[in-house]
Amino acid sequence: MLISFKQEIYKFRHENIALYGLIILMVTMTYNFFTNPITRQSLGYGFGANELITLIVITVASAIFSMEYKNNTIIMLEYKTSSKFQIYFSKFLVVLVYSFLLTVIAFLFTLILSVIFNTGRYDWLAVHNGHTLLNGLLTNLAGALIYSFFSIGLSFMLIMLVKNNAVVVCFGIVLAFFGASFSKGLMQTFPHSFPKD
């Protein structure tokens, strides 16, 4: 298992898609910071990082497998390894570690942007509606990390079924953007089914 994990890390480090995902995250967060008004909500969501992380992880996860299928290296990996589970699980772990790193970078980058340009307008440790702004940011990014966990599994499953990266990325975009709206609509439709704060 450790050998498969090291091989996947080596391959992942030499893929440019991981670097592109990081650059897209930072550029988009910076864009959101400068184009939208700074509010407690935008700070708590890390300037949109919670949605971006999920989209980047879905794209990276599907790209990893699509390259394996495109270059027919998945067949060689399955032939050399005694367990298919090791191959898939090591890929899953590598993308999960990548999503954790994206989450940490998004957290630090949010703090850096707010400290440099916000000039103390919002206090990260002041209690507002029962929790601090720092707590809200950590909670939202933890939610994005948990959602990424499920998104990686879904991306792997879909790329193995359809073997088309574009289909998986489009499905991920639909899930990321329409999933929240669907949940909100469901909660408004059946208000008695969900507890109130």
C-alpha atoms as a PDB file:
ATOM      1  CA  MET A   1       0.000   0.000   0.000  1.00  0.00           C
ATOM      2  CA  LEU A   2       2.797   2.409   0.901  1.00  0.00           C
ATOM      3  CA  ILE A   3       4.536   1.734  -2.428  1.00  0.00           C
ATOM      4  CA  SER A   4       1.344   2.524  -4.356  1.00  0.00           C
ATOM      5  CA  PHE A   5       0.854   5.692  -2.312  1.00  0.00           C
ATOM      6  CA  LYS A   6       4.432   6.842  -3.005  1.00  0.00           C
ATOM      7  CA  GLN A   7       3.999   6.147  -6.717  1.00  0.00           C
ATOM      8  CA  GLU A   8       0.803   8.185  -6.798  1.00  0.00           C
ATOM      9  CA  ILE A   9       2.435  11.075  -4.942  1.00  0.00           C
ATOM     10  CA  TYR A  10       5.320  11.011  -7.421  1.00  0.00           C
ATOM     11  CA  LYS A  11       2.929  11.083 -10.393  1.00  0.00           C
ATOM     12  CA  PHE A  12       0.785  13.769  -8.775  1.00  0.00           C
ATOM     13  CA  ARG A  13       3.759  16.035  -8.082  1.00  0.00           C
ATOM     14  CA  HIS A  14       4.754  15.894 -11.734  1.00  0.00           C
ATOM     15  CA  GLU A  15       1.271  16.732 -13.024  1.00  0.00           C
ATOM     16  CA  ASN A  16       0.638  20.396 -13.727  1.00  0.00           C
ATOM     17  CA  ILE A  17      -3.053  20.167 -12.908  1.00  0.00           C
ATOM     18  CA  ALA A  18      -2.379  20.325  -9.157  1.00  0.00           C
ATOM     19  CA  LEU A  19      -0.421  23.538  -9.569  1.00  0.00           C
ATOM     20  CA  TYR A  20      -3.103  24.993 -11.843  1.00  0.00           C
ATOM     21  CA  GLY A  21      -5.740  24.208  -9.224  1.00  0.00           C
ATOM     22  CA  LEU A  22      -3.765  26.066  -6.561  1.00  0.00           C
ATOM     23  CA  ILE A  23      -3.234  29.068  -8.836  1.00  0.00           C
ATOM     24  CA  ILE A  24      -6.927  29.171  -9.770  1.00  0.00           C
ATOM     25  CA  LEU A  25      -7.887  29.056  -6.085  1.00  0.00           C
ATOM     26  CA  MET A  26      -5.638  31.978  -5.144  1.00  0.00           C
ATOM     27  CA  VAL A  27      -6.464  34.103  -8.191  1.00  0.00           C
ATOM     28  CA  THR A  28     -10.215  33.606  -7.772  1.00  0.00           C
ATOM     29  CA  MET A  29     -10.073  34.347  -4.045  1.00  0.00           C
ATOM     30  CA  THR A  30      -8.128  37.538  -4.787  1.00  0.00           C
ATOM     31  CA  TYR A  31     -10.615  38.486  -7.489  1.00  0.00           C
ATOM     32  CA  ASN A  32     -13.549  37.921  -5.108  1.00  0.00           C
ATOM     33  CA  PHE A  33     -11.783  39.947  -2.442  1.00  0.00           C
ATOM     34  CA  PHE A  34     -11.271  42.995  -4.664  1.00  0.00           C
ATOM     35  CA  THR A  35     -14.551  42.920  -6.606  1.00  0.00           C
ATOM     36  CA  ASN A  36     -17.088  42.157  -3.863  1.00  0.00           C
ATOM     37  CA  PRO A  37     -17.709  44.141  -0.694  1.00  0.00           C
ATOM     38  CA  ILE A  38     -15.974  42.715   2.348  1.00  0.00           C
ATOM     39  CA  THR A  39     -18.580  41.440   4.792  1.00  0.00           C
ATOM     40  CA  ARG A  40     -18.600  38.973   7.660  1.00  0.00           C
ATOM     41  CA  GLN A  41     -20.174  36.466   5.309  1.00  0.00           C
ATOM     42  CA  SER A  42     -17.522  36.822   2.598  1.00  0.00           C
ATOM     43  CA  LEU A  43     -14.787  36.476   5.204  1.00  0.00           C
ATOM     44  CA  GLY A  44     -16.538  33.472   6.755  1.00  0.00           C
ATOM     45  CA  TYR A  45     -16.696  31.749   3.375  1.00  0.00           C
ATOM     46  CA  GLY A  46     -13.069  32.511   2.617  1.00  0.00           C
ATOM     47  CA  PHE A  47     -13.953  34.678  -0.403  1.00  0.00           C
ATOM     48  CA  GLY A  48     -15.678  31.737  -2.089  1.00  0.00           C
ATOM     49  CA  ALA A  49     -12.982  29.182  -1.270  1.00  0.00           C
ATOM     50  CA  ASN A  50     -15.471  26.615   0.017  1.00  0.00           C
ATOM     51  CA  GLU A  51     -17.082  26.255  -3.431  1.00  0.00           C
ATOM     52  CA  LEU A  52     -13.789  26.606  -5.307  1.00  0.00           C
ATOM     53  CA  ILE A  53     -12.091  23.826  -3.364  1.00  0.00           C
ATOM     54  CA  THR A  54     -14.851  21.393  -4.271  1.00  0.00           C
ATOM     55  CA  LEU A  55     -14.724  22.299  -7.974  1.00  0.00           C
ATOM     56  CA  ILE A  56     -10.930  22.078  -8.090  1.00  0.00           C
ATOM     57  CA  VAL A  57     -10.907  18.718  -6.315  1.00  0.00           C
ATOM     58  CA  ILE A  58     -13.553  17.280  -8.662  1.00  0.00           C
ATOM     59  CA  THR A  59     -11.558  18.452 -11.672  1.00  0.00           C
ATOM     60  CA  VAL A  60      -8.257  17.128 -10.351  1.00  0.00           C
ATOM     61  CA  ALA A  61      -9.713  13.784  -9.273  1.00  0.00           C
ATOM     62  CA  SER A  62     -11.322  13.141 -12.631  1.00  0.00           C
ATOM     63  CA  ALA A  63      -8.226  14.327 -14.514  1.00  0.00           C
ATOM     64  CA  ILE A  64      -6.013  11.859 -12.658  1.00  0.00           C
ATOM     65  CA  PHE A  65      -8.097   8.902 -13.735  1.00  0.00           C
ATOM     66  CA  SER A  66      -8.817  10.136 -17.231  1.00  0.00           C
ATOM     67  CA  MET A  67      -5.072  10.423 -17.886  1.00  0.00           C
ATOM     68  CA  GLU A  68      -4.595   6.861 -16.649  1.00  0.00           C
ATOM     69  CA  TYR A  69      -7.286   5.629 -19.045  1.00  0.00           C
ATOM     70  CA  LYS A  70      -6.091   7.809 -21.902  1.00  0.00           C
ATOM     71  CA  ASN A  71      -2.513   6.563 -21.653  1.00  0.00           C
ATOM     72  CA  ASN A  72      -3.607   2.982 -20.819  1.00  0.00           C
ATOM     73  CA  THR A  73      -1.399   3.019 -17.725  1.00  0.00           C
ATOM     74  CA  ILE A  74      -4.257   1.836 -15.530  1.00  0.00           C
ATOM     75  CA  ILE A  75      -4.006  -1.594 -17.173  1.00  0.00           C
ATOM     76  CA  MET A  76      -0.297  -1.804 -16.391  1.00  0.00           C
ATOM     77  CA  LEU A  77      -0.938  -0.701 -12.785  1.00  0.00           C
ATOM     78  CA  GLU A  78      -3.619  -3.350 -12.340  1.00  0.00           C
ATOM     79  CA  TYR A  79      -1.324  -5.972 -13.811  1.00  0.00           C
ATOM     80  CA  LYS A  80       1.646  -5.109 -11.558  1.00  0.00           C
ATOM     81  CA  THR A  81      -0.312  -4.666  -8.328  1.00  0.00           C
ATOM     82  CA  SER A  82      -1.903  -7.600  -6.582  1.00  0.00           C
ATOM     83  CA  SER A  83      -4.846  -5.541  -5.311  1.00  0.00           C
ATOM     84  CA  LYS A  84      -6.934  -3.095  -7.313  1.00  0.00           C
ATOM     85  CA  PHE A  85      -8.059  -1.614  -4.015  1.00  0.00           C
ATOM     86  CA  GLN A  86      -4.509  -0.366  -3.354  1.00  0.00           C
ATOM     87  CA  ILE A  87      -4.417   1.472  -6.677  1.00  0.00           C
ATOM     88  CA  TYR A  88      -7.731   3.230  -6.204  1.00  0.00           C
ATOM     89  CA  PHE A  89      -7.314   3.905  -2.511  1.00  0.00           C
ATOM     90  CA  SER A  90      -3.836   5.405  -2.961  1.00  0.00           C
ATOM     91  CA  LYS A  91      -5.199   7.723  -5.659  1.00  0.00           C
ATOM     92  CA  PHE A  92      -8.074   8.628  -3.342  1.00  0.00           C
ATOM     93  CA  LEU A  93      -5.674   9.425  -0.489  1.00  0.00           C
ATOM     94  CA  VAL A  94      -3.461  11.594  -2.686  1.00  0.00           C
ATOM     95  CA  VAL A  95      -6.411  13.707  -3.851  1.00  0.00           C
ATOM     96  CA  LEU A  96      -7.744  13.888  -0.290  1.00  0.00           C
ATOM     97  CA  VAL A  97      -4.373  15.170   0.953  1.00  0.00           C
ATOM     98  CA  TYR A  98      -4.405  17.680  -1.912  1.00  0.00           C
ATOM     99  CA  SER A  99      -7.861  18.928  -0.889  1.00  0.00           C
ATOM    100  CA  PHE A 100      -6.634  19.260   2.709  1.00  0.00           C
ATOM    101  CA  LEU A 101      -3.671  21.338   1.493  1.00  0.00           C
ATOM    102  CA  LEU A 102      -6.001  23.510  -0.585  1.00  0.00           C
ATOM    103  CA  THR A 103      -8.162  24.048   2.509  1.00  0.00           C
ATOM    104  CA  VAL A 104      -5.173  25.070   4.640  1.00  0.00           C
ATOM    105  CA  ILE A 105      -3.907  27.419   1.918  1.00  0.00           C
ATOM    106  CA  ALA A 106      -7.381  28.950   1.528  1.00  0.00           C
ATOM    107  CA  PHE A 107      -7.546  29.527   5.290  1.00  0.00           C
ATOM    108  CA  LEU A 108      -4.126  31.171   5.433  1.00  0.00           C
ATOM    109  CA  PHE A 109      -4.730  33.212   2.281  1.00  0.00           C
ATOM    110  CA  THR A 110      -8.050  34.497   3.672  1.00  0.00           C
ATOM    111  CA  LEU A 111      -6.304  35.610   6.844  1.00  0.00           C
ATOM    112  CA  ILE A 112      -3.479  37.250   4.897  1.00  0.00           C
ATOM    113  CA  LEU A 113      -5.848  39.146   2.590  1.00  0.00           C
ATOM    114  CA  SER A 114      -8.001  40.333   5.460  1.00  0.00           C
ATOM    115  CA  VAL A 115      -5.044  41.426   7.594  1.00  0.00           C
ATOM    116  CA  ILE A 116      -3.270  43.286   4.793  1.00  0.00           C
ATOM    117  CA  PHE A 117      -6.260  44.990   3.172  1.00  0.00           C
ATOM    118  CA  ASN A 118      -9.036  44.931   5.760  1.00  0.00           C
ATOM    119  CA  THR A 119      -7.166  47.014   8.353  1.00  0.00           C
ATOM    120  CA  GLY A 120      -9.011  45.538  11.318  1.00  0.00           C
ATOM    121  CA  ARG A 121     -12.559  46.382  10.288  1.00  0.00           C
ATOM    122  CA  TYR A 122     -13.710  42.921  11.364  1.00  0.00           C
ATOM    123  CA  ASP A 123     -12.341  41.287  14.484  1.00  0.00           C
ATOM    124  CA  TRP A 124     -11.727  37.579  13.925  1.00  0.00           C
ATOM    125  CA  LEU A 125     -12.192  36.734  17.619  1.00  0.00           C
ATOM    126  CA  ALA A 126     -15.219  38.923  18.416  1.00  0.00           C
ATOM    127  CA  VAL A 127     -18.344  36.913  19.214  1.00  0.00           C
ATOM    128  CA  HIS A 128     -21.236  37.659  16.862  1.00  0.00           C
ATOM    129  CA  ASN A 129     -24.468  35.591  16.951  1.00  0.00           C
ATOM    130  CA  GLY A 130     -22.868  33.056  19.265  1.00  0.00           C
ATOM    131  CA  HIS A 131     -19.641  32.366  17.369  1.00  0.00           C
ATOM    132  CA  THR A 132     -16.517  34.118  16.187  1.00  0.00           C
ATOM    133  CA  LEU A 133     -15.640  34.928  12.603  1.00  0.00           C
ATOM    134  CA  LEU A 134     -12.611  32.652  12.851  1.00  0.00           C
ATOM    135  CA  ASN A 135     -14.844  29.822  14.029  1.00  0.00           C
ATOM    136  CA  GLY A 136     -17.207  30.425  11.100  1.00  0.00           C
ATOM    137  CA  LEU A 137     -14.354  30.334   8.588  1.00  0.00           C
ATOM    138  CA  LEU A 138     -12.956  27.125  10.073  1.00  0.00           C
ATOM    139  CA  THR A 139     -16.403  25.519  10.088  1.00  0.00           C
ATOM    140  CA  ASN A 140     -17.095  26.443   6.457  1.00  0.00           C
ATOM    141  CA  LEU A 141     -13.707  25.212   5.283  1.00  0.00           C
ATOM    142  CA  ALA A 142     -14.130  21.991   7.270  1.00  0.00           C
ATOM    143  CA  GLY A 143     -17.483  21.534   5.537  1.00  0.00           C
ATOM    144  CA  ALA A 144     -15.780  22.048   2.172  1.00  0.00           C
ATOM    145  CA  LEU A 145     -13.206  19.426   3.118  1.00  0.00           C
ATOM    146  CA  ILE A 146     -15.900  16.913   4.092  1.00  0.00           C
ATOM    147  CA  TYR A 147     -17.798  17.654   0.882  1.00  0.00           C
ATOM    148  CA  SER A 148     -14.548  17.154  -1.050  1.00  0.00           C
ATOM    149  CA  PHE A 149     -14.213  13.708   0.518  1.00  0.00           C
ATOM    150  CA  PHE A 150     -17.518  12.666  -1.024  1.00  0.00           C
ATOM    151  CA  SER A 151     -16.806  14.513  -4.272  1.00  0.00           C
ATOM    152  CA  ILE A 152     -13.562  12.605  -4.780  1.00  0.00           C
ATOM    153  CA  GLY A 153     -15.356   9.285  -4.422  1.00  0.00           C
ATOM    154  CA  LEU A 154     -18.124  10.384  -6.763  1.00  0.00           C
ATOM    155  CA  SER A 155     -15.613  11.663  -9.333  1.00  0.00           C
ATOM    156  CA  PHE A 156     -13.683   8.397  -9.241  1.00  0.00           C
ATOM    157  CA  MET A 157     -16.861   6.378  -9.644  1.00  0.00           C
ATOM    158  CA  LEU A 158     -18.105   8.497 -12.561  1.00  0.00           C
ATOM    159  CA  ILE A 159     -14.766   8.571 -14.386  1.00  0.00           C
ATOM    160  CA  MET A 160     -14.583   4.773 -14.148  1.00  0.00           C
ATOM    161  CA  LEU A 161     -18.089   4.501 -15.615  1.00  0.00           C
ATOM    162  CA  VAL A 162     -18.014   7.079 -18.414  1.00  0.00           C
ATOM    163  CA  LYS A 163     -14.236   7.578 -18.888  1.00  0.00           C
ATOM    164  CA  ASN A 164     -14.877  11.164 -20.017  1.00  0.00           C
ATOM    165  CA  ASN A 165     -13.360  13.953 -17.965  1.00  0.00           C
ATOM    166  CA  ALA A 166     -15.697  16.657 -19.291  1.00  0.00           C
ATOM    167  CA  VAL A 167     -18.826  14.771 -18.212  1.00  0.00           C
ATOM    168  CA  VAL A 168     -17.488  14.310 -14.683  1.00  0.00           C
ATOM    169  CA  VAL A 169     -16.454  17.958 -14.339  1.00  0.00           C
ATOM    170  CA  CYS A 170     -19.860  19.150 -15.613  1.00  0.00           C
ATOM    171  CA  PHE A 171     -21.623  16.851 -13.171  1.00  0.00           C
ATOM    172  CA  GLY A 172     -19.404  18.193 -10.376  1.00  0.00           C
ATOM    173  CA  ILE A 173     -20.259  21.778 -11.296  1.00  0.00           C
ATOM    174  CA  VAL A 174     -23.953  20.939 -11.230  1.00  0.00           C
ATOM    175  CA  LEU A 175     -23.556  19.326  -7.808  1.00  0.00           C
ATOM    176  CA  ALA A 176     -21.502  22.186  -6.392  1.00  0.00           C
ATOM    177  CA  PHE A 177     -23.740  25.024  -7.517  1.00  0.00           C
ATOM    178  CA  PHE A 178     -27.191  23.501  -7.583  1.00  0.00           C
ATOM    179  CA  GLY A 179     -26.783  21.272  -4.539  1.00  0.00           C
ATOM    180  CA  ALA A 180     -26.863  24.200  -2.119  1.00  0.00           C
ATOM    181  CA  SER A 181     -29.900  25.716  -3.844  1.00  0.00           C
ATOM    182  CA  PHE A 182     -31.675  22.371  -3.796  1.00  0.00           C
ATOM    183  CA  SER A 183     -30.981  21.970  -0.071  1.00  0.00           C
ATOM    184  CA  LYS A 184     -32.263  25.456   0.672  1.00  0.00           C
ATOM    185  CA  GLY A 185     -35.410  24.862  -1.378  1.00  0.00           C
ATOM    186  CA  LEU A 186     -36.005  21.553   0.358  1.00  0.00           C
ATOM    187  CA  MET A 187     -35.680  23.190   3.756  1.00  0.00           C
ATOM    188  CA  GLN A 188     -38.125  25.934   2.759  1.00  0.00           C
ATOM    189  CA  THR A 189     -40.605  23.434   1.327  1.00  0.00           C
ATOM    190  CA  PHE A 190     -40.641  21.255   4.428  1.00  0.00           C
ATOM    191  CA  PRO A 191     -39.887  23.665   7.288  1.00  0.00           C
ATOM    192  CA  HIS A 192     -41.272  21.353   9.966  1.00  0.00           C
ATOM    193  CA  SER A 193     -38.821  18.580   9.062  1.00  0.00           C
ATOM    194  CA  PHE A 194     -35.699  20.587   9.882  1.00  0.00           C
ATOM    195  CA  PRO A 195     -34.832  21.913  13.365  1.00  0.00           C
ATOM    196  CA  LYS A 196     -34.549  25.657  13.874  1.00  0.00           C
ATOM    197  CA  ASP A 197     -31.566  27.290  15.570  1.00  0.00           C
END
